Amino acid sequence: MTADTTTTTTQDGFVASTTLVESLQQVLVNLLAVQLEGKNAHWNVTGSGFRSVHLLLDEVVDVAREHADTVAERLRALHATPDGRPRTVAAGNTLTEQAPGEQRVPAVLTGVATLLTETVEHIRSVHDAVDEEDPTTADLLHEVIHDLEEKAWMLRSENEDR
């Protein structure tokens, strides 16, 4: 059973439970990790199709950055403090670490698509509990899932016949 969803006071509004805060913090950390890994891949991708992949990775980074900002701001609206410090992201993200250095196009496409899929899997794993406590936040998570799944599909499609 999740926390009571009644507001604390009219002035304060809804205050998130510890479980909701922890779930959103993990989503935030993973989105920030996607942003960093995506930018690193953007800088280091090589091979046939470089330009289109280079540009597609910027789109992935932008989506991750925008959603990380939305999740962090939602945490603040729910009277919680998001933590996006580099050490927190490095220690707390649950995503597959990508290889360092130059990477060929197919490996980058597969690797970043995997990051997006893992991020979505985590969001889906906390979604029902989030929805039970705060449907408004669950609606935000729907948007994140939609956008990340779309980018993962684009990356996988770009990798066809390579």
N, C-alpha and C. Protein backbone atom coordinates (compact mmCIF):
# COMPACT_ATOMS: atom_id res chain seq x y z
N MET A 1 0.85 -1.18 0.00
CA MET A 1 0.00 0.00 0.00
C MET A 1 0.88 1.24 0.00
N THR A 2 0.55 2.20 -0.84
CA THR A 2 1.35 3.42 -0.91
C THR A 2 0.86 4.44 0.12
N ALA A 3 1.57 5.52 0.20
CA ALA A 3 1.27 6.55 1.19
C ALA A 3 -0.07 7.22 0.93
N ASP A 4 -0.58 7.84 1.96
CA ASP A 4 -1.82 8.60 1.86
C ASP A 4 -1.61 9.73 0.85
N THR A 5 -2.55 9.89 -0.05
CA THR A 5 -2.38 10.90 -1.10
C THR A 5 -3.10 12.21 -0.80
N THR A 6 -3.58 12.37 0.41
CA THR A 6 -4.23 13.63 0.75
C THR A 6 -3.18 14.72 0.87
N THR A 7 -3.58 15.94 0.62
CA THR A 7 -2.64 17.05 0.72
C THR A 7 -2.34 17.34 2.19
N THR A 8 -1.15 17.83 2.46
CA THR A 8 -0.78 18.13 3.84
C THR A 8 -1.48 19.40 4.31
N THR A 9 -1.44 20.41 3.50
CA THR A 9 -2.19 21.64 3.75
C THR A 9 -2.51 22.26 2.42
N THR A 10 -3.43 23.19 2.42
CA THR A 10 -3.75 23.90 1.18
C THR A 10 -2.52 24.64 0.66
N GLN A 11 -1.74 25.18 1.57
CA GLN A 11 -0.56 25.94 1.18
C GLN A 11 0.52 25.04 0.58
N ASP A 12 0.76 23.89 1.20
CA ASP A 12 1.84 23.02 0.75
C ASP A 12 1.46 22.16 -0.45
N GLY A 13 0.23 21.76 -0.55
CA GLY A 13 -0.18 20.88 -1.63
C GLY A 13 0.25 19.45 -1.36
N PHE A 14 0.20 18.64 -2.39
CA PHE A 14 0.53 17.23 -2.30
C PHE A 14 2.01 17.05 -2.01
N VAL A 15 2.33 16.19 -1.07
CA VAL A 15 3.72 15.89 -0.72
C VAL A 15 3.96 14.41 -1.05
N ALA A 16 4.96 14.16 -1.86
CA ALA A 16 5.27 12.79 -2.30
C ALA A 16 5.77 11.93 -1.15
N SER A 17 5.41 10.65 -1.22
CA SER A 17 5.95 9.69 -0.26
C SER A 17 7.42 9.42 -0.58
N THR A 18 8.10 8.81 0.35
CA THR A 18 9.50 8.42 0.13
C THR A 18 9.62 7.49 -1.07
N THR A 19 8.66 6.57 -1.21
CA THR A 19 8.70 5.63 -2.33
C THR A 19 8.58 6.35 -3.66
N LEU A 20 7.67 7.31 -3.74
CA LEU A 20 7.51 8.08 -4.98
C LEU A 20 8.77 8.88 -5.27
N VAL A 21 9.32 9.51 -4.27
CA VAL A 21 10.55 10.29 -4.46
C VAL A 21 11.68 9.39 -4.95
N GLU A 22 11.85 8.23 -4.33
CA GLU A 22 12.92 7.32 -4.74
C GLU A 22 12.72 6.83 -6.17
N SER A 23 11.48 6.55 -6.54
CA SER A 23 11.19 6.11 -7.92
C SER A 23 11.53 7.19 -8.92
N LEU A 24 11.11 8.41 -8.64
CA LEU A 24 11.39 9.51 -9.57
C LEU A 24 12.88 9.86 -9.60
N GLN A 25 13.53 9.76 -8.46
CA GLN A 25 14.98 10.02 -8.43
C GLN A 25 15.72 9.02 -9.31
N GLN A 26 15.32 7.76 -9.28
CA GLN A 26 15.96 6.75 -10.13
C GLN A 26 15.69 7.04 -11.61
N VAL A 27 14.49 7.44 -11.93
CA VAL A 27 14.18 7.82 -13.32
C VAL A 27 15.07 8.99 -13.73
N LEU A 28 15.19 9.98 -12.86
CA LEU A 28 16.02 11.14 -13.15
C LEU A 28 17.47 10.74 -13.40
N VAL A 29 18.03 9.93 -12.52
CA VAL A 29 19.43 9.51 -12.65
C VAL A 29 19.64 8.76 -13.96
N ASN A 30 18.72 7.86 -14.29
CA ASN A 30 18.87 7.12 -15.54
C ASN A 30 18.75 8.03 -16.76
N LEU A 31 17.84 9.00 -16.72
CA LEU A 31 17.73 9.94 -17.84
C LEU A 31 19.00 10.77 -17.99
N LEU A 32 19.57 11.19 -16.89
CA LEU A 32 20.83 11.94 -16.96
C LEU A 32 21.96 11.07 -17.50
N ALA A 33 21.97 9.81 -17.13
CA ALA A 33 22.98 8.88 -17.66
C ALA A 33 22.79 8.69 -19.17
N VAL A 34 21.55 8.57 -19.63
CA VAL A 34 21.29 8.46 -21.07
C VAL A 34 21.81 9.69 -21.78
N GLN A 35 21.56 10.84 -21.20
CA GLN A 35 22.03 12.09 -21.80
C GLN A 35 23.56 12.08 -21.93
N LEU A 36 24.25 11.70 -20.89
CA LEU A 36 25.72 11.67 -20.93
C LEU A 36 26.25 10.61 -21.88
N GLU A 37 25.71 9.41 -21.79
CA GLU A 37 26.15 8.33 -22.68
C GLU A 37 25.84 8.66 -24.14
N GLY A 38 24.67 9.25 -24.37
CA GLY A 38 24.30 9.63 -25.73
C GLY A 38 25.23 10.67 -26.32
N LYS A 39 25.61 11.64 -25.51
CA LYS A 39 26.53 12.68 -26.00
C LYS A 39 27.92 12.09 -26.24
N ASN A 40 28.35 11.20 -25.36
CA ASN A 40 29.64 10.56 -25.58
C ASN A 40 29.63 9.75 -26.87
N ALA A 41 28.55 9.02 -27.11
CA ALA A 41 28.42 8.26 -28.36
C ALA A 41 28.40 9.21 -29.56
N HIS A 42 27.73 10.32 -29.43
CA HIS A 42 27.65 11.34 -30.49
C HIS A 42 29.05 11.82 -30.88
N TRP A 43 29.89 12.02 -29.91
CA TRP A 43 31.24 12.50 -30.19
C TRP A 43 32.14 11.42 -30.79
N ASN A 44 31.87 10.17 -30.48
CA ASN A 44 32.82 9.10 -30.79
C ASN A 44 32.35 8.10 -31.83
N VAL A 45 31.19 8.32 -32.43
CA VAL A 45 30.69 7.39 -33.44
C VAL A 45 31.51 7.55 -34.73
N THR A 46 31.78 6.42 -35.38
CA THR A 46 32.52 6.44 -36.64
C THR A 46 31.90 5.43 -37.60
N GLY A 47 32.17 5.64 -38.87
CA GLY A 47 31.78 4.66 -39.87
C GLY A 47 30.66 5.12 -40.79
N SER A 48 30.25 4.20 -41.62
CA SER A 48 29.22 4.47 -42.62
C SER A 48 27.92 4.87 -41.93
N GLY A 49 27.37 5.96 -42.38
CA GLY A 49 26.15 6.49 -41.78
C GLY A 49 26.43 7.43 -40.61
N PHE A 50 27.68 7.81 -40.46
CA PHE A 50 28.09 8.66 -39.34
C PHE A 50 27.19 9.88 -39.16
N ARG A 51 27.01 10.64 -40.22
CA ARG A 51 26.30 11.91 -40.08
C ARG A 51 24.87 11.73 -39.57
N SER A 52 24.13 10.80 -40.14
CA SER A 52 22.74 10.62 -39.71
C SER A 52 22.68 10.11 -38.27
N VAL A 53 23.60 9.24 -37.89
CA VAL A 53 23.63 8.73 -36.52
C VAL A 53 24.06 9.83 -35.56
N HIS A 54 25.05 10.60 -35.96
CA HIS A 54 25.53 11.73 -35.16
C HIS A 54 24.36 12.67 -34.83
N LEU A 55 23.56 12.98 -35.83
CA LEU A 55 22.41 13.86 -35.63
C LEU A 55 21.30 13.20 -34.82
N LEU A 56 21.05 11.93 -35.06
CA LEU A 56 20.04 11.20 -34.31
C LEU A 56 20.41 11.13 -32.83
N LEU A 57 21.68 10.97 -32.54
CA LEU A 57 22.11 10.94 -31.14
C LEU A 57 21.87 12.27 -30.45
N ASP A 58 22.01 13.37 -31.17
CA ASP A 58 21.66 14.67 -30.58
C ASP A 58 20.17 14.72 -30.23
N GLU A 59 19.32 14.12 -31.05
CA GLU A 59 17.89 14.06 -30.73
C GLU A 59 17.65 13.25 -29.47
N VAL A 60 18.34 12.15 -29.34
CA VAL A 60 18.21 11.31 -28.13
C VAL A 60 18.63 12.10 -26.90
N VAL A 61 19.76 12.78 -27.00
CA VAL A 61 20.27 13.59 -25.89
C VAL A 61 19.26 14.67 -25.52
N ASP A 62 18.69 15.34 -26.51
CA ASP A 62 17.71 16.39 -26.24
C ASP A 62 16.48 15.85 -25.53
N VAL A 63 15.98 14.70 -25.97
CA VAL A 63 14.81 14.10 -25.33
C VAL A 63 15.13 13.72 -23.89
N ALA A 64 16.27 13.10 -23.67
CA ALA A 64 16.66 12.72 -22.31
C ALA A 64 16.81 13.95 -21.42
N ARG A 65 17.44 14.99 -21.95
CA ARG A 65 17.64 16.22 -21.17
C ARG A 65 16.31 16.87 -20.82
N GLU A 66 15.42 16.97 -21.79
CA GLU A 66 14.11 17.60 -21.54
C GLU A 66 13.31 16.82 -20.51
N HIS A 67 13.31 15.50 -20.62
CA HIS A 67 12.56 14.70 -19.66
C HIS A 67 13.22 14.70 -18.28
N ALA A 68 14.54 14.73 -18.22
CA ALA A 68 15.21 14.83 -16.92
C ALA A 68 14.80 16.12 -16.23
N ASP A 69 14.74 17.20 -16.97
CA ASP A 69 14.34 18.48 -16.40
C ASP A 69 12.89 18.42 -15.90
N THR A 70 12.02 17.80 -16.67
CA THR A 70 10.62 17.67 -16.27
C THR A 70 10.49 16.84 -14.99
N VAL A 71 11.21 15.72 -14.92
CA VAL A 71 11.15 14.87 -13.74
C VAL A 71 11.71 15.61 -12.52
N ALA A 72 12.83 16.31 -12.68
CA ALA A 72 13.42 17.06 -11.57
C ALA A 72 12.46 18.15 -11.09
N GLU A 73 11.84 18.85 -12.02
CA GLU A 73 10.90 19.89 -11.63
C GLU A 73 9.65 19.31 -10.98
N ARG A 74 9.23 18.11 -11.42
CA ARG A 74 8.10 17.44 -10.76
C ARG A 74 8.46 17.08 -9.33
N LEU A 75 9.68 16.60 -9.12
CA LEU A 75 10.13 16.32 -7.76
C LEU A 75 10.03 17.57 -6.89
N ARG A 76 10.48 18.70 -7.41
CA ARG A 76 10.40 19.95 -6.64
C ARG A 76 8.94 20.32 -6.36
N ALA A 77 8.07 20.13 -7.35
CA ALA A 77 6.65 20.45 -7.14
C ALA A 77 6.03 19.57 -6.06
N LEU A 78 6.59 18.38 -5.87
CA LEU A 78 6.09 17.44 -4.87
C LEU A 78 6.86 17.57 -3.55
N HIS A 79 7.58 18.69 -3.38
CA HIS A 79 8.29 19.01 -2.14
C HIS A 79 9.47 18.06 -1.88
N ALA A 80 10.12 17.62 -2.94
CA ALA A 80 11.30 16.78 -2.82
C ALA A 80 12.46 17.48 -3.51
N THR A 81 13.65 17.02 -3.23
CA THR A 81 14.86 17.63 -3.80
C THR A 81 15.53 16.64 -4.74
N PRO A 82 15.52 16.93 -6.05
CA PRO A 82 16.20 16.03 -6.99
C PRO A 82 17.71 16.14 -6.82
N ASP A 83 18.39 15.06 -7.15
CA ASP A 83 19.85 15.04 -7.04
C ASP A 83 20.43 14.60 -8.38
N GLY A 84 20.94 15.55 -9.12
CA GLY A 84 21.53 15.26 -10.43
C GLY A 84 23.02 15.49 -10.47
N ARG A 85 23.65 15.46 -9.32
CA ARG A 85 25.10 15.67 -9.28
C ARG A 85 25.82 14.52 -9.98
N PRO A 86 26.98 14.81 -10.59
CA PRO A 86 27.71 13.77 -11.32
C PRO A 86 27.96 12.51 -10.50
N ARG A 87 28.37 12.65 -9.25
CA ARG A 87 28.63 11.47 -8.42
C ARG A 87 27.36 10.64 -8.22
N THR A 88 26.25 11.32 -8.05
CA THR A 88 24.98 10.62 -7.85
C THR A 88 24.60 9.85 -9.10
N VAL A 89 24.77 10.47 -10.25
CA VAL A 89 24.46 9.80 -11.52
C VAL A 89 25.39 8.61 -11.73
N ALA A 90 26.68 8.82 -11.49
CA ALA A 90 27.65 7.74 -11.68
C ALA A 90 27.38 6.56 -10.74
N ALA A 91 27.04 6.86 -9.51
CA ALA A 91 26.85 5.80 -8.52
C ALA A 91 25.48 5.14 -8.62
N GLY A 92 24.49 5.88 -9.11
CA GLY A 92 23.12 5.40 -8.99
C GLY A 92 22.42 4.93 -10.24
N ASN A 93 22.99 5.18 -11.39
CA ASN A 93 22.26 4.75 -12.59
C ASN A 93 22.36 3.23 -12.73
N THR A 94 21.31 2.67 -13.29
CA THR A 94 21.21 1.20 -13.40
C THR A 94 21.41 0.72 -14.83
N LEU A 95 21.95 1.56 -15.68
CA LEU A 95 22.04 1.25 -17.10
C LEU A 95 23.37 0.58 -17.45
N THR A 96 23.36 -0.14 -18.57
CA THR A 96 24.56 -0.79 -19.07
C THR A 96 25.59 0.27 -19.46
N GLU A 97 26.78 0.13 -18.93
CA GLU A 97 27.85 1.07 -19.25
C GLU A 97 28.29 0.85 -20.69
N GLN A 98 28.46 1.94 -21.41
CA GLN A 98 28.87 1.87 -22.81
C GLN A 98 30.39 1.84 -22.90
N ALA A 99 30.88 1.29 -23.99
CA ALA A 99 32.32 1.18 -24.20
C ALA A 99 32.94 2.57 -24.41
N PRO A 100 34.17 2.76 -23.94
CA PRO A 100 34.84 4.05 -24.15
C PRO A 100 35.45 4.13 -25.56
N GLY A 101 35.82 5.34 -25.94
CA GLY A 101 36.54 5.55 -27.19
C GLY A 101 35.66 5.49 -28.42
N GLU A 102 36.33 5.49 -29.57
CA GLU A 102 35.59 5.43 -30.84
C GLU A 102 34.81 4.13 -30.94
N GLN A 103 33.60 4.25 -31.47
CA GLN A 103 32.75 3.08 -31.66
C GLN A 103 32.13 3.15 -33.05
N ARG A 104 32.04 2.03 -33.69
CA ARG A 104 31.44 1.94 -35.02
C ARG A 104 29.93 2.14 -34.91
N VAL A 105 29.34 2.62 -35.99
CA VAL A 105 27.93 2.93 -36.04
C VAL A 105 27.04 1.81 -35.50
N PRO A 106 27.17 0.57 -35.97
CA PRO A 106 26.25 -0.47 -35.47
C PRO A 106 26.31 -0.66 -33.95
N ALA A 107 27.52 -0.61 -33.38
CA ALA A 107 27.65 -0.78 -31.93
C ALA A 107 27.00 0.38 -31.17
N VAL A 108 27.17 1.58 -31.69
CA VAL A 108 26.57 2.75 -31.05
C VAL A 108 25.05 2.66 -31.10
N LEU A 109 24.51 2.32 -32.26
CA LEU A 109 23.06 2.22 -32.40
C LEU A 109 22.49 1.18 -31.44
N THR A 110 23.13 0.03 -31.37
CA THR A 110 22.67 -1.03 -30.47
C THR A 110 22.82 -0.60 -29.01
N GLY A 111 23.94 -0.03 -28.68
CA GLY A 111 24.20 0.37 -27.29
C GLY A 111 23.25 1.43 -26.78
N VAL A 112 23.02 2.46 -27.57
CA VAL A 112 22.13 3.53 -27.12
C VAL A 112 20.68 3.06 -27.11
N ALA A 113 20.28 2.24 -28.07
CA ALA A 113 18.93 1.67 -28.04
C ALA A 113 18.73 0.84 -26.77
N THR A 114 19.76 0.13 -26.36
CA THR A 114 19.69 -0.66 -25.12
C THR A 114 19.51 0.25 -23.91
N LEU A 115 20.23 1.35 -23.87
CA LEU A 115 20.08 2.30 -22.76
C LEU A 115 18.64 2.81 -22.66
N LEU A 116 18.07 3.13 -23.81
CA LEU A 116 16.69 3.63 -23.82
C LEU A 116 15.72 2.56 -23.36
N THR A 117 15.92 1.35 -23.84
CA THR A 117 15.05 0.24 -23.44
C THR A 117 15.16 -0.04 -21.95
N GLU A 118 16.36 -0.02 -21.41
CA GLU A 118 16.55 -0.24 -19.97
C GLU A 118 15.88 0.87 -19.16
N THR A 119 15.97 2.10 -19.63
CA THR A 119 15.34 3.21 -18.94
C THR A 119 13.83 3.04 -18.93
N VAL A 120 13.27 2.67 -20.07
CA VAL A 120 11.83 2.43 -20.16
C VAL A 120 11.42 1.27 -19.26
N GLU A 121 12.20 0.20 -19.25
CA GLU A 121 11.88 -0.95 -18.39
C GLU A 121 11.80 -0.53 -16.92
N HIS A 122 12.73 0.32 -16.49
CA HIS A 122 12.67 0.79 -15.10
C HIS A 122 11.41 1.62 -14.87
N ILE A 123 11.12 2.53 -15.78
CA ILE A 123 9.93 3.37 -15.62
C ILE A 123 8.67 2.50 -15.54
N ARG A 124 8.59 1.50 -16.41
CA ARG A 124 7.43 0.60 -16.36
C ARG A 124 7.37 -0.16 -15.03
N SER A 125 8.52 -0.48 -14.46
CA SER A 125 8.53 -1.24 -13.20
C SER A 125 8.01 -0.42 -12.02
N VAL A 126 8.11 0.89 -12.07
CA VAL A 126 7.62 1.74 -10.98
C VAL A 126 6.30 2.41 -11.31
N HIS A 127 5.86 2.30 -12.55
CA HIS A 127 4.70 3.04 -13.02
C HIS A 127 3.44 2.81 -12.19
N ASP A 128 3.09 1.56 -11.93
CA ASP A 128 1.82 1.29 -11.24
C ASP A 128 1.80 1.89 -9.85
N ALA A 129 2.90 1.78 -9.13
CA ALA A 129 2.96 2.38 -7.79
C ALA A 129 2.89 3.90 -7.87
N VAL A 130 3.55 4.48 -8.87
CA VAL A 130 3.49 5.93 -9.06
C VAL A 130 2.06 6.32 -9.38
N ASP A 131 1.42 5.60 -10.28
CA ASP A 131 0.05 5.92 -10.68
C ASP A 131 -0.92 5.83 -9.50
N GLU A 132 -0.72 4.85 -8.65
CA GLU A 132 -1.60 4.70 -7.48
C GLU A 132 -1.48 5.90 -6.55
N GLU A 133 -0.27 6.40 -6.39
CA GLU A 133 -0.07 7.53 -5.48
C GLU A 133 -0.34 8.87 -6.15
N ASP A 134 0.07 9.01 -7.40
CA ASP A 134 -0.03 10.31 -8.06
C ASP A 134 -0.22 10.16 -9.56
N PRO A 135 -1.46 10.08 -10.02
CA PRO A 135 -1.73 9.91 -11.45
C PRO A 135 -1.12 11.00 -12.34
N THR A 136 -0.99 12.20 -11.82
CA THR A 136 -0.40 13.28 -12.62
C THR A 136 1.05 12.96 -12.96
N THR A 137 1.79 12.47 -12.00
CA THR A 137 3.18 12.08 -12.25
C THR A 137 3.24 10.90 -13.20
N ALA A 138 2.31 9.96 -13.05
CA ALA A 138 2.26 8.82 -13.97
C ALA A 138 2.05 9.29 -15.40
N ASP A 139 1.24 10.34 -15.59
CA ASP A 139 1.05 10.89 -16.93
C ASP A 139 2.37 11.41 -17.51
N LEU A 140 3.19 12.02 -16.69
CA LEU A 140 4.50 12.48 -17.16
C LEU A 140 5.37 11.30 -17.57
N LEU A 141 5.29 10.23 -16.79
CA LEU A 141 6.07 9.05 -17.12
C LEU A 141 5.61 8.43 -18.43
N HIS A 142 4.32 8.52 -18.73
CA HIS A 142 3.82 8.03 -20.03
C HIS A 142 4.53 8.75 -21.17
N GLU A 143 4.69 10.05 -21.04
CA GLU A 143 5.36 10.83 -22.09
C GLU A 143 6.82 10.40 -22.25
N VAL A 144 7.47 10.15 -21.14
CA VAL A 144 8.87 9.71 -21.19
C VAL A 144 8.96 8.37 -21.91
N ILE A 145 8.09 7.44 -21.52
CA ILE A 145 8.07 6.12 -22.16
C ILE A 145 7.84 6.26 -23.66
N HIS A 146 6.86 7.04 -24.03
CA HIS A 146 6.53 7.23 -25.45
C HIS A 146 7.74 7.74 -26.23
N ASP A 147 8.36 8.78 -25.73
CA ASP A 147 9.46 9.41 -26.46
C ASP A 147 10.70 8.52 -26.51
N LEU A 148 11.02 7.84 -25.42
CA LEU A 148 12.20 6.98 -25.42
C LEU A 148 11.99 5.75 -26.29
N GLU A 149 10.79 5.19 -26.27
CA GLU A 149 10.52 4.04 -27.14
C GLU A 149 10.59 4.44 -28.61
N GLU A 150 10.13 5.64 -28.92
CA GLU A 150 10.22 6.11 -30.30
C GLU A 150 11.67 6.25 -30.74
N LYS A 151 12.51 6.83 -29.88
CA LYS A 151 13.93 6.99 -30.23
C LYS A 151 14.63 5.64 -30.32
N ALA A 152 14.29 4.71 -29.45
CA ALA A 152 14.88 3.36 -29.51
C ALA A 152 14.51 2.69 -30.83
N TRP A 153 13.27 2.83 -31.23
CA TRP A 153 12.81 2.28 -32.52
C TRP A 153 13.62 2.90 -33.67
N MET A 154 13.82 4.20 -33.64
CA MET A 154 14.59 4.87 -34.70
C MET A 154 16.02 4.36 -34.74
N LEU A 155 16.63 4.19 -33.58
CA LEU A 155 18.00 3.68 -33.54
C LEU A 155 18.07 2.26 -34.08
N ARG A 156 17.14 1.41 -33.64
CA ARG A 156 17.14 0.03 -34.13
C ARG A 156 16.89 -0.02 -35.64
N SER A 157 16.00 0.83 -36.12
CA SER A 157 15.69 0.86 -37.56
C SER A 157 16.88 1.33 -38.37
N GLU A 158 17.61 2.27 -37.84
CA GLU A 158 18.81 2.77 -38.51
C GLU A 158 19.86 1.66 -38.61
N ASN A 159 19.79 0.71 -37.71
CA ASN A 159 20.77 -0.37 -37.66
C ASN A 159 20.41 -1.55 -38.56
N GLU A 160 19.23 -1.53 -39.17
CA GLU A 160 18.83 -2.62 -40.07
C GLU A 160 19.81 -2.72 -41.23
N ASP A 161 20.14 -3.91 -41.63
CA ASP A 161 21.00 -4.18 -42.79
C ASP A 161 22.41 -3.61 -42.64
N ARG A 162 22.88 -3.43 -41.45
CA ARG A 162 24.27 -2.96 -41.27
C ARG A 162 25.13 -4.13 -40.93
